[in-house]
Each structure stands twice: as structure tokens, then as C-alpha cells.
Amino acid sequence: MAIYFLGWTAQYEQRFVSYLAERYDVGRTPDRKGLVRLHRIVKKILGARCAGLLGRLYCKLAGFSGSDMLICNEGQIHRKLNPAILEAFPGIRILVVRDLVDSAFLTRWRSHFDAIYSFDQVQCARLGMQVMNQFLPIGYDEKRMVPVCADDSPTALFIGRDKHRSRSLLALAELLKACDYEVDFRILVDDSTQERSAYHITSLVSYAQSLASTLSAHVLVEMNQPGQAGFTLRPLEAAYFSKKLITTNPAILQSSLYHPNNVYVLDGPESWDAERLRAFLESDFYPLSKETIFEYSPDYMLEFLISRHGAAVREPAPRS
């Protein structure tokens, strides 16, 4: 059985796919630009039904078999030739939902997949998806990178889009400054931004820049967007690189990632007390076990999917 990732095109996604390809039977979906251009023309002239022929041609040229596994994500399955490839793929089809979606999205795509997973337990319960652990796009064997912390004032880091979070972030910034922390908040302006602050930025931060900042910070900040109950990457980065975490997500209290010395949950007025926060910041970090950290690695994600679906073989679908 070979495993293929379709639509994982971001820099940090390509990084973990390359890492997995060195350790598992992970293949790359070929970038056939000629077929993509032809698909665009055929779809425009003859419609999506005829464009599906190109998906079958793509799968034939790639040599996919009924025992292979295709792993997709919710952000890219609708793009370019991907729907046609998905429809024609002869093996097991898995969808990993990393963001919040609605019932209309699942109505559109559910029948195309053998299993749909999400990192958000509340979303899974509401929409009928299966739960899987969030995973960091850095392989478990790569975590040996040594965290570099500056010798001067300790720093708290937040990088992310506004998403109606700036008011809470600005309040936290003042609290951190009261605890003698440097505040490195980079709030990317979006449609929800009502008033810009000194912490707002207008350009995306690359994953390489974000990772470098994470390694040099002392504390990472996770501020969940409204309606989000699953983990972002911040708790995983904190665990991987032995950083303290400040979060608004109380779900972490029930997680193996939680230790009171490592994680401070902003949940209720009393948690916004400077002295309580200072006591947390001054406490010693409690190292997590290797087994716990492994559960949030791409290695674990892949082994989890193989254990559930690796022995399955999709029955050939009737050709229309």
C-alpha cells in the first residue's frame, strides 16, 4: 500500500510530507501541469462530467491501485483537477478537516470519502466526523532542534489572523507587560479588524519565520477564534519545544499536553489576574514524556490512519 497526499501545497505541508516520504511508503501526487491546463479548458467547454475523464487519466498515469490511500484536506479538494482525481482514485480516500466547516460542506463531499476526520471534538459531534489528534508539521525525529531563548527580557509570542481576537490579545499584551514580559504579537489584519494597533501587521509571516520566532520565544499564546474547540498548532509547538503556553481553550485541561506549570488557561475573570499569571510564568517547566509528544506528530497521524484503513481495499467503482 502506498499513501498519497493530495492538495498539501503549503510550504510547511510539503515539509512534513517530505519527512514522511523518507520513513514510510509515501508517494507524491505528480504535478501534471499539462493535464491541469487541459482540465480547465475541457471543463469550460464540455462541462465537469467530461473533465472527469482527465481524472481517470491522471490516476492511470500515476499508477494508483485499489490498496493505496489518498489523504486530502478541506482547503484544496475543490481546486483545479483535484475533484476529478479524487473521484477517480481507486483506493481508500481520507479527508482531514483542519478548520471549521458547516453541514453544507459535508453534504457536498461526504460521499467522496471513506472516512472524514477533524481535530475539533465539538465539530465532530455536531457534524458526524471522526476525531483525530492535531499534528505538528515537524516530524518527531526533527524535534531535536534546540530552542534558542534570548538572554534579555522573556518574550511572549502570538502570530495569526485577527479573526475578532484583537481585543482579547491587546488586553493580554498589557497583562504580560505588567509581568515584565516583552510582547511579540503579530496580528494579521483581516475583514474582522476594526481598529489597528501597534501589534497589527499586513503581510503574512512565512512558516520558516514563524518557526524561528517560536524557537526564540519563552511563551506561546493561543487565542482560539469564536466557535473553535480544537487545538491550533500552538499547544503542539509548546510541547515539542518546551515552551510555556497561554491559551483560551479550556479543552486542553483534559489533554495529555496539560500540566499546570506549562499551560495557563484564560477562562474567567480570575484568570486575568497579573499576580496569578506571574506565578505561572515564574514556575519551572515540567517536561512531557516522549510518548505524549509523539501522539501529536505527523508520524503518529500517519500510523493512526494506516492502523484504521491500511488493510482496506476499495471495491472498483462502476464507470459512468
Protein backbone atom coordinates (compact mmCIF):
# COMPACT_ATOMS: atom_id res chain seq x y z
CA MET A 1 0.00 0.00 0.00
CA ALA A 2 1.28 3.43 -0.97
CA ILE A 3 -0.01 6.64 0.62
CA TYR A 4 -0.50 9.87 -1.30
CA PHE A 5 -1.20 13.42 -0.11
CA LEU A 6 -3.36 15.46 -2.48
CA GLY A 7 -3.56 19.24 -2.13
CA TRP A 8 -0.99 19.66 0.63
CA THR A 9 0.80 22.50 -1.13
CA ALA A 10 1.82 25.00 1.56
CA GLN A 11 5.50 25.21 2.49
CA TYR A 12 5.02 23.67 5.93
CA GLU A 13 2.81 20.91 4.48
CA GLN A 14 5.41 19.98 1.88
CA ARG A 15 7.92 19.81 4.70
CA PHE A 16 6.12 17.12 6.67
CA VAL A 17 5.16 15.17 3.53
CA SER A 18 8.84 15.05 2.54
CA TYR A 19 9.74 13.94 6.05
CA LEU A 20 7.16 11.13 5.96
CA ALA A 21 8.30 10.05 2.48
CA GLU A 22 11.74 9.28 3.92
CA ARG A 23 10.28 6.94 6.56
CA TYR A 24 7.07 5.46 5.14
CA ASP A 25 5.68 4.33 1.81
CA VAL A 26 4.52 7.83 0.97
CA GLY A 27 4.38 8.86 -2.67
CA ARG A 28 3.95 12.28 -4.21
CA THR A 29 0.97 13.10 -6.40
CA PRO A 30 2.59 14.08 -9.72
CA ASP A 31 2.28 17.72 -10.76
CA ARG A 32 0.96 17.29 -14.29
CA LYS A 33 0.54 20.91 -15.35
CA GLY A 34 -0.48 19.94 -18.87
CA LEU A 35 -3.45 17.96 -17.58
CA VAL A 36 -4.41 20.79 -15.25
CA ARG A 37 -4.48 23.28 -18.12
CA LEU A 38 -6.40 20.83 -20.30
CA HIS A 39 -8.86 20.23 -17.46
CA ARG A 40 -9.57 23.94 -17.21
CA ILE A 41 -10.32 24.13 -20.94
CA VAL A 42 -12.39 20.92 -21.07
CA LYS A 43 -14.43 21.88 -18.02
CA LYS A 44 -15.23 25.26 -19.52
CA ILE A 45 -16.24 23.90 -22.92
CA LEU A 46 -17.71 20.45 -22.21
CA GLY A 47 -18.59 20.59 -18.50
CA ALA A 48 -17.39 18.84 -15.34
CA ARG A 49 -18.64 15.38 -16.39
CA CYS A 50 -16.28 15.21 -19.35
CA ALA A 51 -13.49 16.71 -17.27
CA GLY A 52 -13.69 13.60 -15.07
CA LEU A 53 -12.02 11.65 -17.88
CA LEU A 54 -8.85 13.58 -17.15
CA GLY A 55 -9.03 12.49 -13.51
CA ARG A 56 -9.09 8.87 -14.60
CA LEU A 57 -6.19 9.52 -16.97
CA TYR A 58 -4.22 11.15 -14.17
CA CYS A 59 -4.78 8.17 -11.85
CA LYS A 60 -3.79 5.72 -14.58
CA LEU A 61 -0.57 7.60 -15.36
CA ALA A 62 0.25 7.81 -11.64
CA GLY A 63 -0.22 4.06 -11.23
CA PHE A 64 -2.62 4.26 -8.28
CA SER A 65 -4.06 0.93 -7.08
CA GLY A 66 -7.06 -0.18 -5.05
CA SER A 67 -4.89 -0.77 -1.97
CA ASP A 68 -3.46 2.77 -1.96
CA MET A 69 -4.59 5.60 0.32
CA LEU A 70 -5.26 9.22 -0.67
CA ILE A 71 -5.21 11.84 2.10
CA CYS A 72 -6.87 15.18 1.30
CA ASN A 73 -7.61 18.37 3.22
CA GLU A 74 -10.71 20.55 3.21
CA GLY A 75 -8.95 23.61 1.81
CA GLN A 76 -7.82 22.13 -1.50
CA ILE A 77 -10.21 19.35 -2.55
CA HIS A 78 -12.26 21.71 -4.72
CA ARG A 79 -9.30 23.21 -6.59
CA LYS A 80 -8.17 22.58 -10.17
CA LEU A 81 -8.04 18.89 -11.10
CA ASN A 82 -8.33 17.66 -7.50
CA PRO A 83 -12.09 16.79 -7.58
CA ALA A 84 -11.60 14.69 -10.72
CA ILE A 85 -8.56 12.92 -9.23
CA LEU A 86 -10.48 12.24 -6.03
CA GLU A 87 -13.45 10.83 -7.93
CA ALA A 88 -11.24 8.51 -9.99
CA PHE A 89 -8.86 7.40 -7.24
CA PRO A 90 -9.22 3.59 -6.92
CA GLY A 91 -8.12 3.21 -3.28
CA ILE A 92 -9.06 4.46 0.17
CA ARG A 93 -9.95 8.17 0.39
CA ILE A 94 -9.42 10.11 3.62
CA LEU A 95 -10.36 13.73 4.33
CA VAL A 96 -8.63 15.64 7.13
CA VAL A 97 -10.59 18.75 8.15
CA ARG A 98 -8.27 21.23 9.84
CA ASP A 99 -10.59 24.24 10.05
CA LEU A 100 -14.23 24.89 10.91
CA VAL A 101 -16.72 23.72 8.25
CA ASP A 102 -20.51 23.56 8.03
CA SER A 103 -23.08 20.90 7.18
CA ALA A 104 -23.33 22.13 3.58
CA PHE A 105 -19.63 21.38 3.08
CA LEU A 106 -20.05 17.82 4.36
CA THR A 107 -23.18 17.29 2.28
CA ARG A 108 -21.12 18.22 -0.77
CA TRP A 109 -18.13 15.98 0.00
CA ARG A 110 -19.09 13.17 2.40
CA SER A 111 -19.94 10.60 -0.29
CA HIS A 112 -16.49 11.01 -1.87
CA PHE A 113 -14.60 9.74 1.19
CA ASP A 114 -14.31 6.53 3.16
CA ALA A 115 -13.60 8.50 6.35
CA ILE A 116 -13.60 12.16 7.39
CA TYR A 117 -11.56 13.33 10.38
CA SER A 118 -11.37 16.61 12.28
CA PHE A 119 -9.19 17.92 15.12
CA ASP A 120 -12.21 19.60 16.75
CA GLN A 121 -14.23 17.27 19.02
CA VAL A 122 -17.22 19.62 19.20
CA GLN A 123 -17.35 19.89 15.42
CA CYS A 124 -17.09 16.10 15.11
CA ALA A 125 -20.01 15.55 17.48
CA ARG A 126 -22.15 18.13 15.70
CA LEU A 127 -21.43 17.09 12.11
CA GLY A 128 -20.67 13.38 12.39
CA MET A 129 -16.94 13.33 11.71
CA GLN A 130 -14.30 11.23 13.45
CA VAL A 131 -11.78 12.72 15.88
CA MET A 132 -8.05 12.63 15.33
CA ASN A 133 -5.19 14.46 17.04
CA GLN A 134 -3.95 17.73 15.64
CA PHE A 135 -0.37 17.24 14.46
CA LEU A 136 2.63 19.50 14.12
CA PRO A 137 4.14 19.72 10.61
CA ILE A 138 7.53 18.80 12.07
CA GLY A 139 8.49 15.15 12.25
CA TYR A 140 9.08 13.53 15.60
CA ASP A 141 12.71 12.84 14.66
CA GLU A 142 13.15 16.51 13.73
CA LYS A 143 12.23 17.83 17.18
CA ARG A 144 15.87 17.74 18.22
CA MET A 145 16.15 21.38 17.14
CA VAL A 146 17.48 23.22 20.18
CA PRO A 147 15.20 26.04 21.36
CA VAL A 148 17.12 29.29 21.46
CA CYS A 149 15.87 31.81 24.02
CA ALA A 150 17.27 35.31 24.23
CA ASP A 151 19.18 36.21 27.38
CA ASP A 152 17.34 39.51 27.81
CA SER A 153 13.69 40.02 28.80
CA PRO A 154 11.49 36.95 28.27
CA THR A 155 9.15 37.15 25.28
CA ALA A 156 5.56 36.07 24.64
CA LEU A 157 4.68 35.31 21.01
CA PHE A 158 1.43 35.37 19.04
CA ILE A 159 1.23 35.09 15.24
CA GLY A 160 -2.11 34.81 13.46
CA ARG A 161 -5.01 36.50 11.73
CA ASP A 162 -7.23 38.87 13.65
CA LYS A 163 -10.46 36.82 13.42
CA HIS A 164 -12.17 39.01 16.04
CA ARG A 165 -9.40 38.27 18.56
CA SER A 166 -7.54 41.58 18.71
CA ARG A 167 -9.45 43.00 21.69
CA SER A 168 -8.55 40.00 23.88
CA LEU A 169 -4.99 39.96 22.55
CA LEU A 170 -4.46 43.63 23.38
CA ALA A 171 -5.74 43.04 26.92
CA LEU A 172 -3.36 40.09 27.29
CA ALA A 173 -0.48 42.19 25.98
CA GLU A 174 -0.99 44.69 28.81
CA LEU A 175 -1.16 41.85 31.34
CA LEU A 176 2.10 40.38 30.06
CA LYS A 177 3.84 43.74 30.19
CA ALA A 178 2.73 44.04 33.81
CA CYS A 179 4.58 40.74 34.36
CA ASP A 180 7.76 42.24 32.82
CA TYR A 181 7.45 40.30 29.56
CA GLU A 182 8.29 41.54 26.10
CA VAL A 183 5.26 41.21 23.81
CA ASP A 184 5.82 39.97 20.26
CA PHE A 185 2.28 39.90 18.87
CA ARG A 186 1.79 39.89 15.08
CA ILE A 187 -1.93 40.18 14.40
CA LEU A 188 -2.59 39.92 10.67
CA VAL A 189 -5.22 42.40 9.52
CA ASP A 190 -8.35 40.78 8.05
CA ASP A 191 -12.02 41.63 7.45
CA SER A 192 -12.74 41.46 11.19
CA THR A 193 -10.18 44.16 12.06
CA GLN A 194 -11.97 47.27 13.33
CA GLU A 195 -9.05 49.28 14.65
CA ARG A 196 -5.37 48.68 14.06
CA SER A 197 -2.86 48.66 16.88
CA ALA A 198 0.92 48.62 17.07
CA TYR A 199 0.71 44.82 17.01
CA HIS A 200 -1.18 44.58 13.71
CA ILE A 201 0.65 43.60 10.53
CA THR A 202 -0.41 43.47 6.88
CA SER A 203 1.94 40.82 5.45
CA LEU A 204 1.83 37.07 6.01
CA VAL A 205 4.54 35.54 8.16
CA SER A 206 6.19 32.55 6.48
CA TYR A 207 6.36 29.25 8.30
CA ALA A 208 10.15 29.49 8.47
CA GLN A 209 9.88 32.92 10.12
CA SER A 210 7.17 31.68 12.47
CA LEU A 211 9.25 28.68 13.50
CA ALA A 212 12.33 30.82 14.15
CA SER A 213 10.26 33.16 16.32
CA THR A 214 8.75 30.20 18.17
CA LEU A 215 12.18 28.79 18.99
CA SER A 216 13.38 32.13 20.38
CA ALA A 217 10.24 32.89 22.42
CA HIS A 218 9.68 31.88 26.04
CA VAL A 219 5.87 31.76 25.99
CA LEU A 220 3.46 30.99 23.14
CA VAL A 221 -0.07 32.40 23.01
CA GLU A 222 -3.08 30.55 21.60
CA MET A 223 -6.25 32.61 21.23
CA ASN A 224 -8.99 30.44 19.72
CA GLN A 225 -11.45 32.02 17.31
CA PRO A 226 -15.17 32.02 18.20
CA GLY A 227 -16.68 28.53 17.85
CA GLN A 228 -13.33 26.72 17.79
CA ALA A 229 -12.75 23.97 20.35
CA GLY A 230 -9.91 22.02 18.71
CA PHE A 231 -6.21 22.74 19.19
CA THR A 232 -4.26 25.08 16.97
CA LEU A 233 -0.58 24.35 16.37
CA ARG A 234 0.49 26.47 19.38
CA PRO A 235 -0.04 23.78 22.09
CA LEU A 236 1.89 21.31 19.96
CA GLU A 237 4.77 23.72 19.38
CA ALA A 238 4.86 24.47 23.09
CA ALA A 239 5.09 20.75 23.92
CA TYR A 240 7.63 20.00 21.18
CA PHE A 241 9.98 22.82 22.09
CA SER A 242 9.44 23.05 25.88
CA LYS A 243 7.70 26.43 25.82
CA LYS A 244 5.03 27.68 28.17
CA LEU A 245 1.57 28.21 26.72
CA ILE A 246 -1.16 30.76 27.42
CA THR A 247 -4.46 29.70 25.84
CA THR A 248 -8.17 30.48 25.87
CA ASN A 249 -9.07 26.86 25.12
CA PRO A 250 -10.23 25.04 28.29
CA ALA A 251 -10.28 21.73 26.39
CA ILE A 252 -6.55 21.43 26.96
CA LEU A 253 -7.23 20.80 30.66
CA GLN A 254 -8.41 17.29 29.67
CA SER A 255 -5.44 16.71 27.35
CA SER A 256 -2.22 14.81 27.91
CA LEU A 257 -0.46 18.07 26.96
CA TYR A 258 -1.65 19.79 30.13
CA HIS A 259 0.44 20.47 33.20
CA PRO A 260 -0.27 23.48 35.45
CA ASN A 261 3.37 24.58 35.24
CA ASN A 262 3.26 24.57 31.44
CA VAL A 263 -0.21 25.78 30.47
CA TYR A 264 -2.18 28.80 31.67
CA VAL A 265 -5.85 28.88 30.66
CA LEU A 266 -7.58 32.25 30.32
CA ASP A 267 -11.08 31.17 31.31
CA GLY A 268 -12.97 33.53 33.59
CA PRO A 269 -12.19 36.94 35.17
CA GLU A 270 -9.95 35.49 37.90
CA SER A 271 -7.53 34.11 35.30
CA TRP A 272 -6.82 37.65 34.06
CA ASP A 273 -5.01 38.49 37.31
CA ALA A 274 -1.43 39.70 36.90
CA GLU A 275 -0.16 38.04 40.08
CA ARG A 276 -1.63 34.66 39.13
CA LEU A 277 -0.11 34.93 35.67
CA ARG A 278 3.25 36.00 37.10
CA ALA A 279 3.31 32.96 39.41
CA PHE A 280 2.68 30.72 36.40
CA LEU A 281 5.40 32.40 34.33
CA GLU A 282 7.93 32.00 37.14
CA SER A 283 7.22 28.30 37.75
CA ASP A 284 9.56 25.63 36.36
CA PHE A 285 8.60 23.94 33.10
CA TYR A 286 7.52 20.30 33.51
CA PRO A 287 8.96 18.11 30.70
CA LEU A 288 6.39 15.95 28.92
CA SER A 289 7.03 12.31 28.07
CA LYS A 290 8.27 11.30 24.63
CA GLU A 291 5.15 9.16 24.22
CA THR A 292 2.88 12.17 24.78
CA ILE A 293 4.75 14.34 22.29
CA PHE A 294 4.75 11.55 19.69
CA GLU A 295 0.93 11.47 19.75
CA TYR A 296 0.90 14.92 18.10
CA SER A 297 3.49 14.23 15.41
CA PRO A 298 2.90 13.59 11.68
CA ASP A 299 4.40 10.14 12.29
CA TYR A 300 1.57 9.31 14.69
CA MET A 301 -1.05 10.78 12.35
CA LEU A 302 0.07 8.53 9.51
CA GLU A 303 0.38 5.42 11.68
CA PHE A 304 -3.09 6.14 13.09
CA LEU A 305 -4.62 6.25 9.60
CA ILE A 306 -2.71 3.15 8.48
CA SER A 307 -3.90 1.22 11.54
CA ARG A 308 -7.50 2.13 10.75
CA HIS A 309 -7.53 1.89 6.98
CA GLY A 310 -4.33 0.24 5.83
CA ALA A 311 -5.82 -3.22 5.38
CA ALA A 312 -8.87 -1.97 3.50
CA VAL A 313 -9.23 -2.14 -0.25
CA ARG A 314 -11.84 -0.13 -2.06
CA GLU A 315 -14.09 -2.07 -4.41
CA PRO A 316 -13.78 -0.82 -8.00
CA ALA A 317 -16.44 1.81 -8.63
CA PRO A 318 -18.68 1.38 -11.66
CA ARG A 319 -17.64 3.59 -14.53
CA SER A 320 -20.25 6.03 -15.77
